[in-house]
Protein backbone atom coordinates (compact mmCIF):
# COMPACT_ATOMS: atom_id res chain seq x y z
CA MET A 1 52.23 215.89 6.88
CA LYS A 2 49.52 214.29 4.76
CA ILE A 3 46.07 214.88 6.26
CA VAL A 4 42.54 213.83 5.31
CA LEU A 5 39.22 215.46 6.20
CA ALA A 6 36.44 212.87 6.32
CA GLN A 7 33.04 214.51 5.85
CA GLN A 8 30.58 211.73 6.62
CA ASN A 9 26.88 211.08 7.23
CA TYR A 10 26.19 209.32 10.53
CA HIS A 11 23.14 207.67 12.07
CA ILE A 12 22.39 208.57 15.69
CA GLY A 13 22.90 205.56 17.95
CA ASN A 14 23.90 203.26 15.09
CA PHE A 15 27.32 202.52 16.57
CA GLU A 16 28.04 199.58 14.32
CA ALA A 17 27.40 201.47 11.08
CA ASN A 18 29.11 204.67 12.26
CA THR A 19 32.18 202.80 13.49
CA GLN A 20 32.46 200.78 10.31
CA LYS A 21 32.23 203.94 8.20
CA ILE A 22 34.98 205.59 10.27
CA ILE A 23 37.21 202.50 10.08
CA GLN A 24 36.80 202.21 6.31
CA ALA A 25 37.96 205.82 5.91
CA ILE A 26 40.93 205.19 8.20
CA ARG A 27 41.99 202.08 6.27
CA LYS A 28 41.78 203.91 2.96
CA ALA A 29 43.77 206.81 4.39
CA LYS A 30 46.48 204.46 5.67
CA SER A 31 46.76 202.82 2.24
CA ASP A 32 47.27 206.31 0.78
CA GLY A 33 50.06 207.14 3.22
CA VAL A 34 48.02 209.60 5.29
CA GLU A 35 49.43 210.55 8.70
CA LEU A 36 46.37 212.23 10.24
CA ILE A 37 42.65 211.83 9.53
CA ILE A 38 40.00 214.15 10.98
CA PHE A 39 36.33 213.34 11.52
CA SER A 40 33.46 215.47 12.86
CA GLU A 41 31.86 216.23 16.22
CA LEU A 42 30.27 213.25 18.02
CA CYS A 43 30.75 211.16 14.89
CA VAL A 44 30.85 207.92 16.87
CA CYS A 45 27.32 208.29 18.26
CA GLY A 46 25.84 210.78 15.80
CA TYR A 47 24.73 214.36 16.49
CA PRO A 48 22.53 215.39 18.26
CA PRO A 49 22.07 212.33 20.51
CA ARG A 50 19.88 214.28 22.95
CA ASP A 51 18.50 212.22 25.84
CA PHE A 52 20.17 209.04 24.59
CA LEU A 53 23.08 210.52 26.52
CA GLU A 54 21.22 209.84 29.75
CA PHE A 55 21.46 206.06 29.18
CA ASN A 56 24.57 204.41 30.59
CA ASP A 57 24.39 201.70 27.92
CA PHE A 58 24.55 204.36 25.19
CA ILE A 59 27.77 205.77 26.67
CA GLU A 60 29.23 202.29 27.12
CA GLN A 61 28.58 201.44 23.47
CA SER A 62 30.13 204.73 22.42
CA MET A 63 33.26 204.09 24.45
CA ALA A 64 33.51 200.55 23.08
CA SER A 65 33.35 202.00 19.57
CA VAL A 66 36.14 204.47 20.37
CA ALA A 67 38.27 201.56 21.61
CA LYS A 68 37.55 199.65 18.41
CA VAL A 69 38.54 202.61 16.25
CA ALA A 70 41.73 203.03 18.31
CA GLN A 71 42.91 199.61 17.14
CA GLU A 72 42.93 200.95 13.58
CA ALA A 73 44.97 204.01 14.61
CA ASP A 74 48.34 202.28 14.57
CA THR A 75 50.47 204.18 12.08
CA ILE A 76 48.01 207.03 11.64
CA GLY A 77 46.70 209.76 13.93
CA VAL A 78 42.90 209.86 14.20
CA LEU A 79 40.65 212.61 15.55
CA ILE A 80 37.09 211.49 16.28
CA GLY A 81 34.22 212.94 18.29
CA ALA A 82 32.40 211.08 21.08
CA PRO A 83 31.07 211.69 24.59
CA SER A 84 33.44 211.02 27.49
CA ARG A 85 32.85 210.64 31.20
CA ASN A 86 33.62 213.36 33.71
CA PRO A 87 35.70 211.74 36.49
CA LYS A 88 34.80 214.49 38.97
CA ALA A 89 31.65 214.38 41.06
CA GLU A 90 31.12 218.10 40.51
CA GLY A 91 29.39 219.18 37.31
CA LYS A 92 27.71 217.19 34.58
CA ASP A 93 28.64 213.55 34.14
CA LEU A 94 29.76 213.87 30.52
CA PHE A 95 31.96 215.91 28.22
CA ASN A 96 31.50 216.46 24.49
CA SER A 97 34.97 215.35 23.43
CA ALA A 98 37.44 214.90 20.63
CA TYR A 99 39.63 211.80 20.99
CA PHE A 100 43.11 211.78 19.51
CA LEU A 101 44.06 208.18 18.75
CA TYR A 102 47.53 206.98 17.76
CA GLN A 103 49.59 203.82 18.15
CA LYS A 104 46.37 202.01 19.09
CA GLU A 105 45.91 204.21 22.15
CA ILE A 106 43.86 207.18 23.29
CA LYS A 107 46.66 209.71 23.44
CA HIS A 108 44.64 212.81 24.27
CA VAL A 109 41.04 213.83 24.93
CA VAL A 110 39.93 217.39 24.20
CA HIS A 111 36.69 218.60 25.78
CA LYS A 112 34.36 221.13 24.23
CA SER A 113 34.44 224.42 26.09
CA LEU A 114 31.50 226.37 24.71
CA LEU A 115 28.19 224.51 24.99
CA PRO A 116 25.44 226.13 22.93
CA THR A 117 22.07 226.27 24.63
CA TYR A 118 19.97 228.25 22.18
CA ASP A 119 17.82 227.64 19.12
CA ILE A 120 18.07 223.90 18.30
CA PHE A 121 20.99 223.33 20.68
CA ASP A 122 20.73 222.14 24.27
CA GLU A 123 24.23 220.90 25.07
CA TYR A 124 24.48 222.23 28.61
CA ARG A 125 21.62 219.88 29.44
CA TYR A 126 24.12 217.02 29.10
CA PHE A 127 27.72 218.19 29.06
CA GLU A 128 30.23 219.86 31.36
CA PRO A 129 32.36 222.56 29.70
CA ALA A 130 36.13 222.15 29.57
CA SER A 131 38.15 223.90 32.26
CA THR A 132 41.66 223.15 30.97
CA TRP A 133 43.17 223.52 27.52
CA GLU A 134 46.16 221.73 26.02
CA VAL A 135 47.51 221.48 22.51
CA ILE A 136 48.09 218.01 21.05
CA HIS A 137 51.68 217.19 20.20
CA PHE A 138 51.98 215.08 17.05
CA LYS A 139 55.05 214.50 14.88
CA GLY A 140 56.77 217.67 15.99
CA LYS A 141 53.65 219.84 15.52
CA LYS A 142 51.28 221.38 18.03
CA LEU A 143 47.60 221.00 17.15
CA ALA A 144 44.99 223.35 18.63
CA VAL A 145 41.91 221.14 18.54
CA THR A 146 38.48 222.62 19.22
CA ILE A 147 34.91 221.44 18.77
CA CYS A 148 32.28 223.33 16.76
CA GLU A 149 30.98 226.20 18.96
CA ASP A 150 34.47 226.71 20.43
CA ILE A 151 35.40 228.89 17.45
CA TRP A 152 32.09 230.74 17.06
CA ASP A 153 32.35 233.18 19.96
CA ILE A 154 34.51 235.62 18.06
CA CYS A 155 32.48 238.82 18.02
CA ASP A 156 32.03 242.14 19.81
CA ASN A 157 29.29 240.74 22.06
CA PRO A 158 30.60 237.33 23.19
CA LEU A 159 28.15 234.83 24.59
CA TYR A 160 30.71 233.08 26.78
CA LYS A 161 33.30 234.21 29.33
CA ILE A 162 36.10 231.93 28.09
CA ASN A 163 37.55 231.70 24.60
CA PRO A 164 39.31 228.32 24.21
CA MET A 165 41.46 229.46 21.29
CA ASP A 166 42.77 232.35 23.39
CA GLU A 167 43.83 229.78 25.97
CA LEU A 168 45.39 227.45 23.42
CA MET A 169 47.36 230.28 21.82
CA LYS A 170 49.39 230.55 25.04
CA GLN A 171 51.02 227.25 23.99
CA SER A 172 52.00 228.50 20.50
CA PRO A 173 50.10 226.01 18.32
CA ASP A 174 50.95 225.50 14.66
CA ILE A 175 47.45 224.90 13.32
CA MET A 176 43.77 225.04 14.31
CA ILE A 177 41.59 221.95 13.84
CA ASN A 178 37.86 222.04 14.46
CA LEU A 179 35.54 219.03 14.62
CA SER A 180 32.06 220.30 13.86
CA ALA A 181 28.40 219.39 13.58
CA SER A 182 27.17 222.69 12.20
CA PRO A 183 23.60 222.51 10.84
CA PHE A 184 22.29 224.04 7.65
CA ASP A 185 20.10 227.05 7.34
CA TYR A 186 19.95 229.28 4.31
CA ILE A 187 22.31 231.90 5.75
CA HIS A 188 24.59 229.65 7.77
CA ALA A 189 27.10 228.46 5.17
CA GLU A 190 28.31 231.99 4.50
CA ALA A 191 28.30 232.85 8.21
CA ARG A 192 30.39 229.73 8.83
CA LYS A 193 33.04 230.72 6.30
CA ASN A 194 33.12 234.22 7.74
CA MET A 195 33.63 232.80 11.22
CA ILE A 196 36.55 230.65 10.03
CA ALA A 197 38.10 233.65 8.33
CA LEU A 198 37.78 235.72 11.52
CA ASN A 199 39.59 233.03 13.52
CA VAL A 200 42.36 232.77 10.94
CA ALA A 201 42.76 236.54 10.88
CA LYS A 202 42.83 236.82 14.68
CA TYR A 203 45.27 233.99 15.39
CA GLY A 204 47.35 233.95 12.21
CA LEU A 205 47.06 230.17 11.89
CA PRO A 206 45.58 227.92 9.23
CA MET A 207 42.38 226.06 10.06
CA LEU A 208 41.19 222.57 9.14
CA TYR A 209 37.43 222.54 9.64
CA CYS A 210 35.60 219.20 9.33
CA ASN A 211 31.81 219.33 9.34
CA THR A 212 29.32 216.50 9.28
CA VAL A 213 26.69 216.00 6.57
CA GLY A 214 23.26 214.36 6.52
CA ALA A 215 19.85 214.83 8.06
CA GLN A 216 18.82 213.85 11.57
CA THR A 217 15.02 214.07 11.67
CA GLU A 218 14.40 217.83 11.28
CA ILE A 219 18.00 219.03 11.32
CA VAL A 220 20.04 219.01 8.11
CA PHE A 221 23.84 219.14 8.17
CA ASP A 222 25.28 220.40 4.92
CA GLY A 223 28.99 219.52 5.11
CA GLY A 224 31.00 222.17 3.31
CA SER A 225 34.17 221.40 5.29
CA ILE A 226 36.91 223.96 4.69
CA VAL A 227 40.67 224.26 4.72
CA MET A 228 41.84 227.85 5.07
CA ASP A 229 45.47 228.92 5.24
CA ALA A 230 46.98 231.50 7.56
CA VAL A 231 46.28 234.40 5.18
CA GLN A 232 42.61 233.50 4.61
CA ASN A 233 42.99 231.65 1.35
CA ILE A 234 40.42 228.91 0.96
CA ILE A 235 42.63 225.98 0.00
CA THR A 236 39.68 223.66 -0.50
CA GLU A 237 35.98 223.54 0.25
CA LEU A 238 34.28 220.16 0.32
CA PRO A 239 30.92 219.61 -1.41
CA TYR A 240 27.65 220.52 0.23
CA PHE A 241 24.93 217.99 1.06
CA GLU A 242 27.05 214.93 0.26
CA GLU A 243 29.76 212.81 1.81
CA ALA A 244 33.32 213.55 0.73
CA GLU A 245 36.95 213.07 1.70
CA GLN A 246 39.77 215.46 0.97
CA SER A 247 43.48 214.88 1.35
CA LEU A 248 45.96 217.72 1.74
CA ASP A 249 49.65 218.23 2.42
CA TRP A 250 50.70 220.40 5.33
CA LEU A 251 54.26 221.37 4.46
CA ASP A 252 57.09 222.04 6.89
CA ASP A 253 57.00 225.75 6.05
CA GLY A 254 53.35 225.91 7.14
CA GLN A 255 51.86 225.99 3.66
CA ILE A 256 48.88 223.77 2.88
CA VAL A 257 48.58 222.26 -0.58
CA VAL A 258 45.71 220.37 -2.15
CA GLY A 259 46.65 218.66 -5.38
CA GLY A 260 45.07 220.14 -8.48
CA GLN A 261 43.37 223.01 -6.64
CA GLN A 262 44.39 226.64 -6.57
CA PRO A 263 43.87 228.68 -3.38
CA LYS A 264 41.35 231.48 -3.55
CA MET A 265 41.18 234.44 -1.22
CA TYR A 266 38.12 234.36 0.98
CA GLN A 267 35.67 237.11 0.12
CA SER A 268 32.48 237.59 2.08
CA SER A 269 29.33 237.02 0.02
CA ALA A 270 25.92 238.54 0.53
CA ILE A 271 23.66 236.83 3.03
CA LEU A 272 19.97 237.36 3.62
CA GLY A 273 19.56 240.76 5.20
CA GLN A 274 16.87 242.29 7.33
CA SER A 275 14.34 242.28 4.51
CA PHE A 276 12.60 239.09 3.42
CA ASN A 277 13.72 237.70 0.05
CA ALA A 278 11.69 234.68 -1.03
CA ASN A 279 14.15 233.83 -3.79
CA PHE A 280 17.22 233.68 -1.56
CA ALA A 281 19.30 230.45 -1.66
CA THR A 282 16.56 228.42 -3.34
CA ASP A 283 19.12 225.97 -4.76
CA ASN A 284 20.49 225.19 -1.30
CA ILE A 285 17.00 224.95 0.18
CA TYR A 286 16.08 222.45 -2.52
CA ALA A 287 19.18 220.35 -1.80
CA ALA A 288 18.58 220.48 1.96
CA ILE A 289 14.99 219.30 1.68
CA ILE A 290 15.94 216.48 -0.70
CA LEU A 291 18.57 215.32 1.79
CA GLY A 292 16.11 215.74 4.66
CA ILE A 293 13.50 213.51 3.01
CA ARG A 294 16.00 210.93 1.80
CA ASP A 295 17.78 210.52 5.13
CA TYR A 296 14.55 210.45 7.12
CA PHE A 297 13.33 207.52 5.04
CA TYR A 298 16.66 205.71 4.87
CA LYS A 299 17.51 206.03 8.56
CA MET A 300 13.97 205.07 9.62
CA ASN A 301 14.00 202.12 7.21
CA PHE A 302 11.05 203.50 5.23
CA SER A 303 10.87 203.22 1.47
CA LYS A 304 7.53 204.57 0.27
CA ALA A 305 5.77 207.91 0.65
CA ILE A 306 2.26 209.15 0.03
CA VAL A 307 1.13 212.71 -0.65
CA ALA A 308 -2.38 214.15 -0.62
CA SER A 309 -2.31 215.87 -4.02
CA SER A 310 -4.81 218.69 -4.30
CA GLY A 311 -3.74 220.45 -7.47
CA GLY A 312 -2.38 223.30 -5.33
CA ILE A 313 1.13 224.67 -5.12
CA ASP A 314 2.11 223.14 -1.78
CA SER A 315 1.23 219.53 -2.55
CA ALA A 316 2.71 219.91 -6.03
CA VAL A 317 6.08 221.02 -4.65
CA VAL A 318 6.07 218.29 -1.99
CA LEU A 319 5.26 215.64 -4.58
CA ALA A 320 8.05 216.83 -6.89
CA LEU A 321 10.55 216.92 -4.01
CA ALA A 322 9.54 213.46 -2.80
CA CYS A 323 9.92 211.97 -6.27
CA ALA A 324 13.37 213.54 -6.61
CA ALA A 325 14.41 212.24 -3.19
CA LEU A 326 12.93 208.74 -3.24
CA GLY A 327 12.25 207.91 -6.87
CA ALA A 328 8.88 208.49 -8.53
CA GLU A 329 7.94 204.81 -8.30
CA ASN A 330 8.10 205.05 -4.48
CA VAL A 331 5.80 208.07 -4.14
CA ARG A 332 2.03 207.69 -4.41
CA ALA A 333 -0.33 210.60 -4.88
CA LEU A 334 -3.91 210.52 -3.65
CA LEU A 335 -6.37 212.96 -5.22
CA MET A 336 -9.52 213.44 -3.12
CA PRO A 337 -11.92 215.85 -4.83
CA SER A 338 -15.16 216.96 -3.22
CA GLN A 339 -18.22 218.74 -4.58
CA PHE A 340 -16.31 221.99 -3.99
CA SER A 341 -13.23 221.01 -5.98
CA THR A 342 -12.71 222.70 -9.32
CA ASN A 343 -12.17 220.64 -12.44
CA HIS A 344 -8.76 222.19 -12.98
CA SER A 345 -7.59 221.06 -9.54
CA VAL A 346 -8.08 217.43 -10.51
CA SER A 347 -6.66 217.85 -13.99
CA ASP A 348 -3.67 219.85 -12.69
CA ALA A 349 -2.91 217.18 -10.09
CA GLU A 350 -3.22 214.43 -12.72
CA LYS A 351 -0.94 216.32 -15.10
CA LEU A 352 1.63 216.74 -12.33
CA SER A 353 1.75 213.00 -11.61
CA GLN A 354 1.93 212.26 -15.31
CA ASN A 355 4.90 214.64 -15.61
CA LEU A 356 6.59 213.00 -12.63
CA ASN A 357 5.55 209.49 -13.67
CA ASN A 358 4.47 208.60 -10.15
CA PRO A 359 1.46 206.38 -9.33
CA TYR A 360 -1.73 208.15 -8.30
CA ASP A 361 -5.32 207.37 -7.31
CA ILE A 362 -8.50 209.43 -7.38
CA ILE A 363 -11.00 208.85 -4.57
CA SER A 364 -13.89 211.29 -4.27
CA ILE A 365 -14.91 212.28 -0.75
CA LYS A 366 -18.29 213.67 -1.88
CA ASN A 367 -20.36 210.70 -0.68
CA VAL A 368 -18.41 210.38 2.57
CA PHE A 369 -18.90 214.07 3.31
CA GLU A 370 -22.62 213.80 2.62
CA ALA A 371 -22.86 210.74 4.89
CA TYR A 372 -21.18 212.70 7.68
CA GLY A 373 -23.64 215.51 7.10
CA GLN A 374 -26.59 213.14 7.42
CA SER A 375 -25.15 211.67 10.64
CA LEU A 376 -24.60 215.13 12.12
CA ASP A 377 -27.92 216.56 10.95
CA SER A 378 -29.64 215.93 14.27
CA VAL A 379 -27.21 218.26 16.06
CA PHE A 380 -26.28 220.58 13.16
CA SER A 381 -29.87 221.10 11.96
CA GLY A 382 -30.73 224.73 11.37
CA LEU A 383 -27.13 225.90 11.62
CA ALA A 384 -25.36 227.56 8.72
CA PHE A 385 -22.51 225.91 6.83
CA SER A 386 -19.33 226.97 8.66
CA VAL A 387 -15.74 226.13 9.44
CA ALA A 388 -16.97 222.89 11.02
CA GLU A 389 -18.03 221.55 7.63
CA GLU A 390 -14.89 222.92 6.01
CA ASN A 391 -12.64 221.20 8.51
CA LEU A 392 -14.68 218.01 8.24
CA GLN A 393 -13.63 217.71 4.59
CA SER A 394 -10.00 218.11 5.56
CA ARG A 395 -10.35 215.45 8.26
CA ILE A 396 -12.03 213.03 5.86
CA ARG A 397 -9.07 213.50 3.53
CA GLY A 398 -6.71 212.94 6.43
CA ALA A 399 -8.46 209.68 7.29
CA MET A 400 -8.43 208.55 3.64
CA VAL A 401 -4.76 209.21 3.05
CA MET A 402 -3.82 207.61 6.38
CA ALA A 403 -5.84 204.54 5.42
CA LEU A 404 -3.68 204.13 2.32
CA SER A 405 -0.60 204.86 4.40
CA ASN A 406 -1.46 202.03 6.78
CA LYS A 407 -2.53 199.60 4.08
CA PHE A 408 0.56 200.02 1.91
CA GLY A 409 3.17 200.91 4.52
CA SER A 410 3.87 204.39 3.16
CA ILE A 411 4.72 207.53 5.12
CA LEU A 412 2.48 210.56 4.71
CA LEU A 413 4.41 213.69 3.79
CA ASN A 414 2.74 216.80 5.12
CA THR A 415 2.28 219.75 2.76
CA SER A 416 1.65 222.66 5.18
CA ASN A 417 3.89 225.69 4.68
CA LYS A 418 5.27 228.09 7.29
CA SER A 419 2.78 230.84 6.49
CA GLU A 420 -0.11 228.48 7.23
CA LEU A 421 1.51 227.02 10.33
CA SER A 422 2.29 230.51 11.61
CA THR A 423 -1.30 231.67 11.38
CA GLY A 424 -3.09 228.42 12.21
CA TYR A 425 -4.48 228.12 8.68
CA GLY A 426 -4.74 224.35 8.80
CA THR A 427 -6.90 221.61 10.28
CA LEU A 428 -5.71 219.48 13.15
CA TYR A 429 -6.11 215.77 12.32
CA GLY A 430 -6.78 216.76 8.74
CA ASP A 431 -4.31 218.51 6.44
CA MET A 432 -1.94 218.89 9.40
CA ALA A 433 -1.48 215.11 9.59
CA GLY A 434 1.76 213.52 8.45
CA GLY A 435 5.02 211.87 9.41
CA LEU A 436 7.33 214.63 8.14
CA GLY A 437 6.75 218.31 7.38
CA VAL A 438 8.46 219.05 4.08
CA LEU A 439 7.55 222.72 3.62
CA GLY A 440 6.91 223.70 7.23
CA ASP A 441 9.95 225.99 7.33
CA LEU A 442 9.19 227.75 4.04
CA TYR A 443 6.89 230.73 3.73
CA LYS A 444 4.36 230.62 0.90
CA MET A 445 6.37 232.91 -1.36
CA GLN A 446 9.40 230.64 -0.85
CA VAL A 447 7.25 227.69 -1.94
CA TYR A 448 6.51 229.52 -5.18
CA ALA A 449 10.21 230.24 -5.63
CA LEU A 450 10.96 226.54 -5.09
CA ALA A 451 8.33 225.60 -7.67
CA ARG A 452 9.98 227.87 -10.23
CA TYR A 453 13.36 226.35 -9.37
CA ILE A 454 11.97 222.83 -9.90
CA ASN A 455 10.69 223.98 -13.30
CA CYS A 456 13.89 225.77 -14.33
CA LYS A 457 14.87 223.15 -16.93
CA GLN A 458 11.48 221.77 -17.90
CA GLU A 459 7.88 222.13 -16.81
CA ILE A 460 7.34 219.54 -14.11
CA ILE A 461 4.80 221.45 -12.05
CA PRO A 462 2.02 222.58 -14.43
CA GLN A 463 2.15 226.33 -14.89
CA ASN A 464 -1.51 226.67 -13.96
CA ILE A 465 -0.73 225.38 -10.46
CA ILE A 466 1.82 228.19 -10.08
CA ASP A 467 -0.38 230.87 -11.63
CA LYS A 468 -3.76 230.28 -10.01
CA ALA A 469 -4.85 231.87 -6.75
CA PRO A 470 -4.26 229.52 -3.79
CA SER A 471 -7.39 227.96 -2.30
CA ALA A 472 -8.28 225.20 0.15
CA GLU A 473 -11.49 224.61 -1.90
CA LEU A 474 -13.58 223.79 1.15
CA ARG A 475 -16.50 225.97 0.07
CA PRO A 476 -17.62 227.47 -3.25
CA GLY A 477 -15.26 230.13 -4.58
CA GLN A 478 -12.98 230.00 -1.54
CA LYS A 479 -9.57 231.70 -1.71
CA ASP A 480 -6.81 231.84 0.91
CA SER A 481 -7.03 235.63 0.73
CA ASP A 482 -10.54 235.39 2.22
CA SER A 483 -8.96 234.38 5.54
CA LEU A 484 -5.40 235.69 5.35
CA PRO A 485 -3.63 238.84 4.14
CA ASP A 486 -1.99 238.52 0.74
CA TYR A 487 0.99 236.22 1.14
CA ILE A 488 3.49 238.75 -0.16
CA VAL A 489 2.59 241.02 2.78
CA LEU A 490 1.91 238.26 5.29
CA ASP A 491 5.26 236.59 4.69
CA ALA A 492 7.15 239.85 5.09
CA VAL A 493 5.54 240.48 8.50
CA LEU A 494 5.97 236.87 9.62
CA TYR A 495 9.64 236.89 8.68
CA GLN A 496 10.30 240.07 10.65
CA TYR A 497 8.45 238.75 13.70
CA ILE A 498 9.61 235.11 13.72
CA GLU A 499 13.12 235.23 12.26
CA GLN A 500 14.08 238.79 13.24
CA ARG A 501 12.02 238.96 16.48
CA LYS A 502 10.74 242.46 15.72
CA SER A 503 8.24 244.02 18.11
CA PRO A 504 4.88 245.45 17.02
CA LYS A 505 6.27 248.99 17.31
CA GLU A 506 9.26 248.12 15.16
CA LEU A 507 7.05 246.48 12.54
CA ILE A 508 4.80 249.52 12.37
CA ALA A 509 7.86 251.77 12.10
CA MET A 510 8.93 249.66 9.10
CA GLY A 511 5.74 250.72 7.34
CA PHE A 512 3.38 247.83 8.06
CA ASP A 513 -0.21 248.73 8.91
CA ALA A 514 -0.81 248.70 12.67
CA ALA A 515 -4.09 246.75 12.51
CA LEU A 516 -2.52 244.22 10.15
CA VAL A 517 0.44 243.73 12.47
CA SER A 518 -1.82 243.20 15.47
CA ARG A 519 -3.95 240.71 13.57
CA ILE A 520 -1.03 238.67 12.25
CA LEU A 521 0.84 238.50 15.56
CA LYS A 522 -2.32 237.46 17.37
CA LEU A 523 -2.79 234.64 14.86
CA VAL A 524 0.77 233.47 15.41
CA ASN A 525 0.59 233.44 19.18
CA THR A 526 -2.88 231.96 19.58
CA ASN A 527 -2.07 228.99 17.32
CA GLU A 528 0.90 227.62 19.21
CA TYR A 529 -1.28 224.73 20.38
CA LYS A 530 -1.67 223.59 16.78
CA ARG A 531 2.03 223.74 16.00
CA ASN A 532 2.78 221.85 19.21
CA GLN A 533 0.90 218.85 17.77
CA PHE A 534 2.56 219.03 14.36
CA CYS A 535 5.01 216.52 12.91
CA PRO A 536 8.80 217.14 12.62
CA ILE A 537 9.66 219.87 10.11
CA ILE A 538 12.75 219.87 7.90
CA ARG A 539 14.67 222.91 9.12
CA VAL A 540 16.04 225.31 6.50
CA SER A 541 15.73 228.73 8.20
CA PRO A 542 17.53 230.30 11.17
CA LYS A 543 14.32 230.10 13.22
CA ALA A 544 12.19 227.06 12.51
CA PHE A 545 9.12 225.82 14.32
CA GLY A 546 9.85 222.85 16.55
CA VAL A 547 12.91 222.44 18.76
CA GLY A 548 14.33 225.75 17.58
CA ARG A 549 11.37 227.88 18.68
CA ARG A 550 10.02 227.09 22.12
CA MET A 551 6.95 229.10 23.03
CA PRO A 552 4.36 228.59 25.77
CA ILE A 553 0.99 227.36 24.57
CA VAL A 554 -0.89 229.17 27.31
CA GLY A 555 0.26 232.77 27.18
CA LYS A 556 -1.07 236.28 26.82
CA TYR A 557 1.82 238.03 25.03
CA LEU A 558 0.59 239.66 21.78
CA SER A 559 -2.47 237.43 21.75
């Protein structure tokens, strides 16, 4: 049987575009003599549709799209993902389903059994889990079709009470097929391959795993679809962070062959362990952020970006990433020096834009800041220069860059990193403004690693930006280290607390100073109100701020 995996990039709610993309792949597959083509989870409507699922019209459009695709499934079997209605009054009104289409009909509908409700996932909010399991009979073969999470609960501490593959094995299937929307984080690709290998080892069947690709606001899907045979050979692995199609031959003796590719035995690779490693998976992080920026702009019908360029490491990395994602001609830099800015900050920022060949403007905020000071003098008189004046500069810059954003129709890319967002080291309505957080899921030391990666072939980011001590330059001689612990220590503590969920006692037992731990954790927990007002952040870690980390704003724990 000739089979194709179609790893595609969908647009949530764009039924016309999604359906046309699916149909084009089907038509090409039919012209190539393919008998079965496999798409990804909820490909018809895009994943995750979230509360769109609560609109009857959304479901009606999805079902109409399924019917339209079915008309293309005449001589070819098609597996697509879409929501389906629950005919029973009991339970949720919808299922997360895989439709098997053939001979222009819906031949079978498989419902997802395991509905993740953790981290970024909230599927039980919308869907009813499957309660029956049947293999799909097609051309003399029995297909065990599952959907994403259905194959992930294969561990010593299962999250669910039912394992759908255990149920399907009672019907002696010939192959496992999984339609997936598995998001990227910098440890997930290896965990995904390990999970596939565990299923293959347990059930002794080959697996065809089709994952989606593309970014949906903050969530990036990296593709990397896999075909693994019954003895854990990786027959083929599709590219990461790009659309791709792969044909294969499933032979009568059970062997799977991909032309021109030799099988390779799966071997587990190292993943990020308990200790923080700022240099881990920088290449994949770079690719994920590029895709995140590009898809956000394309799917929102934006074309131009603006970045507040300070001559510091964060804005430099954001500017370089934006130019790579959107083209340098579409990214404008705005330099806004004050009386506290150093000469090298301006010259470094200018040199960066010259290296990138992107347009830039220099607008001093000195006079504006002084005018604010004169206006506030009647109430500030006699009071020492403080954080109020520091934050005022940041808010003036925010107003300036948003003025250009409005005037020229560009989207402001925020430059705050995860270390700053964790500790509240940022100004609401100032440097925390923006339409998309580019570095908000990267700790400061990871930002430096990304800068070095960007410079690996040639110096794009001036070396002085990488070498100099980080500073907000809101008062004379200011350094980040005046307000925060050194980033190399801060990031290590933050990683253990946020990603690994370590308690204060555990952190102290790891060798961190008790007073430092208390200080850092208090900063994290008392600044939730700031993060709650922040823009969407491109997710690259296993525990990102935003939908994946839901904390109360008003709380006493560790604060």
